[in-house]
Amino acid sequence: MKIKSKSTARIISSSVVEVTACDGEVYNVMCPVGTYCSEDYKKYVLSQIEALFDANHSEDKEKMISAIMRSSELSALNIRGLDSGDRQAERERIGIRIRQLREEHGIEARELAQMTKIDAANLSRIEKGRYSVGLDILSRIAAALGKKIDFVDL
């Protein structure tokens, strides 16, 4: 009986697996699944990778990736590497903008964290692009900085 995963994994090449995590973010995993002869074994390994992503999912992407790599060693999966996800550049861009606005307003990071009821360590990770922040938190940060969230043309 196969347990349904929230994440999905598929073979891209002999050494790369693409995983769509439960939050929709896409990661490339270095794992030689494509070289395995048995189709059943390939499916088994893909299901194990999906389970790793489900079990270790976190908004803190740095923590999540570390946990997946540690867990893969314990489960004897041959994962050699994992990228930081397809939204990393966007997280970094938003984090840089938050820091820029905070500094323009002369607000210390600790003060902004208190104003928005966010843990100071999480605010630091947000500003560094290492934390996937939800709309509610992003809205609180924006309001504290005198801004609002809007859709803009790309």
C-alpha atoms as a PDB file:
ATOM      1  CA  MET A   1       0.000   0.000   0.000  1.00  0.00           C
ATOM      2  CA  LYS A   2       1.513   3.315  -1.119  1.00  0.00           C
ATOM      3  CA  ILE A   3       1.008   6.337   1.095  1.00  0.00           C
ATOM      4  CA  LYS A   4      -0.007   9.407  -0.898  1.00  0.00           C
ATOM      5  CA  SER A   5       2.639  12.113  -0.660  1.00  0.00           C
ATOM      6  CA  LYS A   6       1.969  15.825  -0.843  1.00  0.00           C
ATOM      7  CA  SER A   7       5.264  16.285  -2.689  1.00  0.00           C
ATOM      8  CA  THR A   8       5.886  14.843  -6.141  1.00  0.00           C
ATOM      9  CA  ALA A   9       9.162  13.649  -7.622  1.00  0.00           C
ATOM     10  CA  ARG A  10      10.054  12.832 -11.207  1.00  0.00           C
ATOM     11  CA  ILE A  11      13.222  11.828 -12.998  1.00  0.00           C
ATOM     12  CA  ILE A  12      14.710  14.598 -15.147  1.00  0.00           C
ATOM     13  CA  SER A  13      17.960  12.888 -16.153  1.00  0.00           C
ATOM     14  CA  SER A  14      20.145  10.004 -15.065  1.00  0.00           C
ATOM     15  CA  SER A  15      21.325  11.999 -12.047  1.00  0.00           C
ATOM     16  CA  VAL A  16      18.648  14.655 -11.403  1.00  0.00           C
ATOM     17  CA  VAL A  17      15.216  14.346  -9.814  1.00  0.00           C
ATOM     18  CA  GLU A  18      12.804  17.277  -9.816  1.00  0.00           C
ATOM     19  CA  VAL A  19      10.711  17.536  -6.659  1.00  0.00           C
ATOM     20  CA  THR A  20       7.677  19.764  -6.306  1.00  0.00           C
ATOM     21  CA  ALA A  21       7.250  20.259  -2.565  1.00  0.00           C
ATOM     22  CA  CYS A  22       3.862  20.505  -0.891  1.00  0.00           C
ATOM     23  CA  ASP A  23       4.011  24.326  -1.068  1.00  0.00           C
ATOM     24  CA  GLY A  24       4.594  24.238  -4.848  1.00  0.00           C
ATOM     25  CA  GLU A  25       8.271  25.165  -4.752  1.00  0.00           C
ATOM     26  CA  VAL A  26      10.421  23.135  -7.154  1.00  0.00           C
ATOM     27  CA  TYR A  27      13.794  21.660  -6.180  1.00  0.00           C
ATOM     28  CA  ASN A  28      16.420  19.754  -8.148  1.00  0.00           C
ATOM     29  CA  VAL A  29      17.902  16.820  -6.285  1.00  0.00           C
ATOM     30  CA  MET A  30      21.177  15.210  -7.334  1.00  0.00           C
ATOM     31  CA  CYS A  31      20.407  11.487  -7.126  1.00  0.00           C
ATOM     32  CA  PRO A  32      21.231   8.787  -9.705  1.00  0.00           C
ATOM     33  CA  VAL A  33      17.701   7.334  -9.751  1.00  0.00           C
ATOM     34  CA  GLY A  34      17.649   7.441 -13.549  1.00  0.00           C
ATOM     35  CA  THR A  35      20.514   4.941 -13.707  1.00  0.00           C
ATOM     36  CA  TYR A  36      18.684   2.226 -11.773  1.00  0.00           C
ATOM     37  CA  CYS A  37      17.588  -0.717 -13.938  1.00  0.00           C
ATOM     38  CA  SER A  38      14.367  -1.703 -12.215  1.00  0.00           C
ATOM     39  CA  GLU A  39      11.357   0.538 -12.840  1.00  0.00           C
ATOM     40  CA  ASP A  40       9.857  -0.642  -9.555  1.00  0.00           C
ATOM     41  CA  TYR A  41      12.996   0.383  -7.685  1.00  0.00           C
ATOM     42  CA  LYS A  42      12.978   3.793  -9.399  1.00  0.00           C
ATOM     43  CA  LYS A  43       9.379   4.299  -8.237  1.00  0.00           C
ATOM     44  CA  TYR A  44      10.321   3.194  -4.737  1.00  0.00           C
ATOM     45  CA  VAL A  45      13.242   5.654  -4.508  1.00  0.00           C
ATOM     46  CA  LEU A  46      11.085   8.489  -5.881  1.00  0.00           C
ATOM     47  CA  SER A  47       8.441   7.730  -3.230  1.00  0.00           C
ATOM     48  CA  GLN A  48      11.157   7.819  -0.539  1.00  0.00           C
ATOM     49  CA  ILE A  49      12.331  11.219  -1.791  1.00  0.00           C
ATOM     50  CA  GLU A  50       8.743  12.501  -1.742  1.00  0.00           C
ATOM     51  CA  ALA A  51       8.354  11.244   1.826  1.00  0.00           C
ATOM     52  CA  LEU A  52      11.585  13.025   2.841  1.00  0.00           C
ATOM     53  CA  PHE A  53      10.267  16.318   1.486  1.00  0.00           C
ATOM     54  CA  ASP A  54       6.897  15.853   3.203  1.00  0.00           C
ATOM     55  CA  ALA A  55       8.447  14.929   6.561  1.00  0.00           C
ATOM     56  CA  ASN A  56      10.985  17.762   6.545  1.00  0.00           C
ATOM     57  CA  HIS A  57       8.972  20.587   4.999  1.00  0.00           C
ATOM     58  CA  SER A  58       9.525  23.948   6.659  1.00  0.00           C
ATOM     59  CA  GLU A  59       9.083  27.626   5.866  1.00  0.00           C
ATOM     60  CA  ASP A  60      12.732  27.961   6.897  1.00  0.00           C
ATOM     61  CA  LYS A  61      14.218  26.647   3.645  1.00  0.00           C
ATOM     62  CA  GLU A  62      17.769  26.506   4.958  1.00  0.00           C
ATOM     63  CA  LYS A  63      16.630  24.310   7.861  1.00  0.00           C
ATOM     64  CA  MET A  64      14.480  22.198   5.506  1.00  0.00           C
ATOM     65  CA  ILE A  65      17.325  21.481   3.077  1.00  0.00           C
ATOM     66  CA  SER A  66      19.674  20.536   5.919  1.00  0.00           C
ATOM     67  CA  ALA A  67      17.069  18.216   7.410  1.00  0.00           C
ATOM     68  CA  ILE A  68      16.433  16.541   4.051  1.00  0.00           C
ATOM     69  CA  MET A  69      20.146  15.962   3.501  1.00  0.00           C
ATOM     70  CA  ARG A  70      20.585  14.514   7.031  1.00  0.00           C
ATOM     71  CA  SER A  71      17.513  12.321   6.666  1.00  0.00           C
ATOM     72  CA  SER A  72      18.661  11.061   3.267  1.00  0.00           C
ATOM     73  CA  GLU A  73      21.873   9.803   4.840  1.00  0.00           C
ATOM     74  CA  LEU A  74      19.944   7.982   7.551  1.00  0.00           C
ATOM     75  CA  SER A  75      17.633   6.374   4.994  1.00  0.00           C
ATOM     76  CA  ALA A  76      20.561   5.361   2.749  1.00  0.00           C
ATOM     77  CA  LEU A  77      19.240   7.329  -0.217  1.00  0.00           C
ATOM     78  CA  ASN A  78      22.022   8.336  -2.575  1.00  0.00           C
ATOM     79  CA  ILE A  79      21.227  12.072  -2.548  1.00  0.00           C
ATOM     80  CA  ARG A  80      24.382  13.980  -3.418  1.00  0.00           C
ATOM     81  CA  GLY A  81      23.014  17.502  -3.442  1.00  0.00           C
ATOM     82  CA  LEU A  82      19.930  19.682  -3.389  1.00  0.00           C
ATOM     83  CA  ASP A  83      19.399  23.177  -4.769  1.00  0.00           C
ATOM     84  CA  SER A  84      17.743  25.985  -2.843  1.00  0.00           C
ATOM     85  CA  GLY A  85      14.480  25.925  -4.784  1.00  0.00           C
ATOM     86  CA  ASP A  86      13.065  27.883  -7.680  1.00  0.00           C
ATOM     87  CA  ARG A  87      11.861  30.763  -5.490  1.00  0.00           C
ATOM     88  CA  GLN A  88      15.207  31.537  -3.871  1.00  0.00           C
ATOM     89  CA  ALA A  89      15.900  34.591  -6.039  1.00  0.00           C
ATOM     90  CA  GLU A  90      12.476  36.039  -5.216  1.00  0.00           C
ATOM     91  CA  ARG A  91      12.967  35.437  -1.470  1.00  0.00           C
ATOM     92  CA  GLU A  92      16.328  37.205  -1.672  1.00  0.00           C
ATOM     93  CA  ARG A  93      14.888  40.144  -3.637  1.00  0.00           C
ATOM     94  CA  ILE A  94      12.085  40.639  -1.117  1.00  0.00           C
ATOM     95  CA  GLY A  95      14.478  40.279   1.820  1.00  0.00           C
ATOM     96  CA  ILE A  96      16.852  42.870   0.387  1.00  0.00           C
ATOM     97  CA  ARG A  97      13.943  45.281  -0.123  1.00  0.00           C
ATOM     98  CA  ILE A  98      12.693  44.788   3.436  1.00  0.00           C
ATOM     99  CA  ARG A  99      16.167  45.486   4.842  1.00  0.00           C
ATOM    100  CA  GLN A 100      16.532  48.538   2.578  1.00  0.00           C
ATOM    101  CA  LEU A 101      13.193  50.003   3.729  1.00  0.00           C
ATOM    102  CA  ARG A 102      13.939  49.219   7.364  1.00  0.00           C
ATOM    103  CA  GLU A 103      17.288  51.004   7.167  1.00  0.00           C
ATOM    104  CA  GLU A 104      15.749  53.978   5.309  1.00  0.00           C
ATOM    105  CA  HIS A 105      13.303  54.361   8.199  1.00  0.00           C
ATOM    106  CA  GLY A 106      16.136  54.080  10.738  1.00  0.00           C
ATOM    107  CA  ILE A 107      14.578  51.024  12.368  1.00  0.00           C
ATOM    108  CA  GLU A 108      16.763  48.372  13.963  1.00  0.00           C
ATOM    109  CA  ALA A 109      15.967  44.771  13.015  1.00  0.00           C
ATOM    110  CA  ARG A 110      15.120  43.984  16.640  1.00  0.00           C
ATOM    111  CA  GLU A 111      12.621  46.866  16.719  1.00  0.00           C
ATOM    112  CA  LEU A 112      10.927  45.736  13.503  1.00  0.00           C
ATOM    113  CA  ALA A 113      10.705  42.206  14.857  1.00  0.00           C
ATOM    114  CA  GLN A 114       9.007  43.484  18.008  1.00  0.00           C
ATOM    115  CA  MET A 115       6.649  45.770  16.062  1.00  0.00           C
ATOM    116  CA  THR A 116       5.528  42.925  13.809  1.00  0.00           C
ATOM    117  CA  LYS A 117       5.555  40.186  16.486  1.00  0.00           C
ATOM    118  CA  ILE A 118       8.098  38.174  14.505  1.00  0.00           C
ATOM    119  CA  ASP A 119      10.981  36.323  16.101  1.00  0.00           C
ATOM    120  CA  ALA A 120      14.159  38.372  15.498  1.00  0.00           C
ATOM    121  CA  ALA A 121      15.976  35.321  14.115  1.00  0.00           C
ATOM    122  CA  ASN A 122      13.158  34.744  11.613  1.00  0.00           C
ATOM    123  CA  LEU A 123      13.264  38.398  10.525  1.00  0.00           C
ATOM    124  CA  SER A 124      16.991  37.998   9.918  1.00  0.00           C
ATOM    125  CA  ARG A 125      16.327  34.890   7.799  1.00  0.00           C
ATOM    126  CA  ILE A 126      13.606  36.762   5.890  1.00  0.00           C
ATOM    127  CA  GLU A 127      16.004  39.612   5.112  1.00  0.00           C
ATOM    128  CA  LYS A 128      18.616  37.094   3.923  1.00  0.00           C
ATOM    129  CA  GLY A 129      16.091  35.264   1.724  1.00  0.00           C
ATOM    130  CA  ARG A 130      16.331  32.041   3.715  1.00  0.00           C
ATOM    131  CA  TYR A 131      12.792  31.972   5.049  1.00  0.00           C
ATOM    132  CA  SER A 132       9.625  31.508   3.035  1.00  0.00           C
ATOM    133  CA  VAL A 133       7.309  34.105   4.491  1.00  0.00           C
ATOM    134  CA  GLY A 134       3.525  33.970   4.299  1.00  0.00           C
ATOM    135  CA  LEU A 135       1.241  36.796   3.267  1.00  0.00           C
ATOM    136  CA  ASP A 136       0.154  37.622   6.831  1.00  0.00           C
ATOM    137  CA  ILE A 137       3.721  38.139   8.047  1.00  0.00           C
ATOM    138  CA  LEU A 138       4.707  39.995   4.890  1.00  0.00           C
ATOM    139  CA  SER A 139       1.675  42.291   5.325  1.00  0.00           C
ATOM    140  CA  ARG A 140       2.665  43.072   8.934  1.00  0.00           C
ATOM    141  CA  ILE A 141       6.198  43.918   7.842  1.00  0.00           C
ATOM    142  CA  ALA A 142       4.943  46.091   4.990  1.00  0.00           C
ATOM    143  CA  ALA A 143       2.523  47.976   7.259  1.00  0.00           C
ATOM    144  CA  ALA A 144       5.241  48.600   9.854  1.00  0.00           C
ATOM    145  CA  LEU A 145       7.387  50.080   7.070  1.00  0.00           C
ATOM    146  CA  GLY A 146       4.554  52.257   5.772  1.00  0.00           C
ATOM    147  CA  LYS A 147       3.975  50.137   2.677  1.00  0.00           C
ATOM    148  CA  LYS A 148       1.295  47.851   1.312  1.00  0.00           C
ATOM    149  CA  ILE A 149       1.599  44.712  -0.742  1.00  0.00           C
ATOM    150  CA  ASP A 150       0.499  45.047  -4.354  1.00  0.00           C
ATOM    151  CA  PHE A 151       0.841  43.251  -7.665  1.00  0.00           C
ATOM    152  CA  VAL A 152       3.193  44.958 -10.082  1.00  0.00           C
ATOM    153  CA  ASP A 153       4.093  44.274 -13.692  1.00  0.00           C
ATOM    154  CA  LEU A 154       7.116  42.089 -14.228  1.00  0.00           C
END
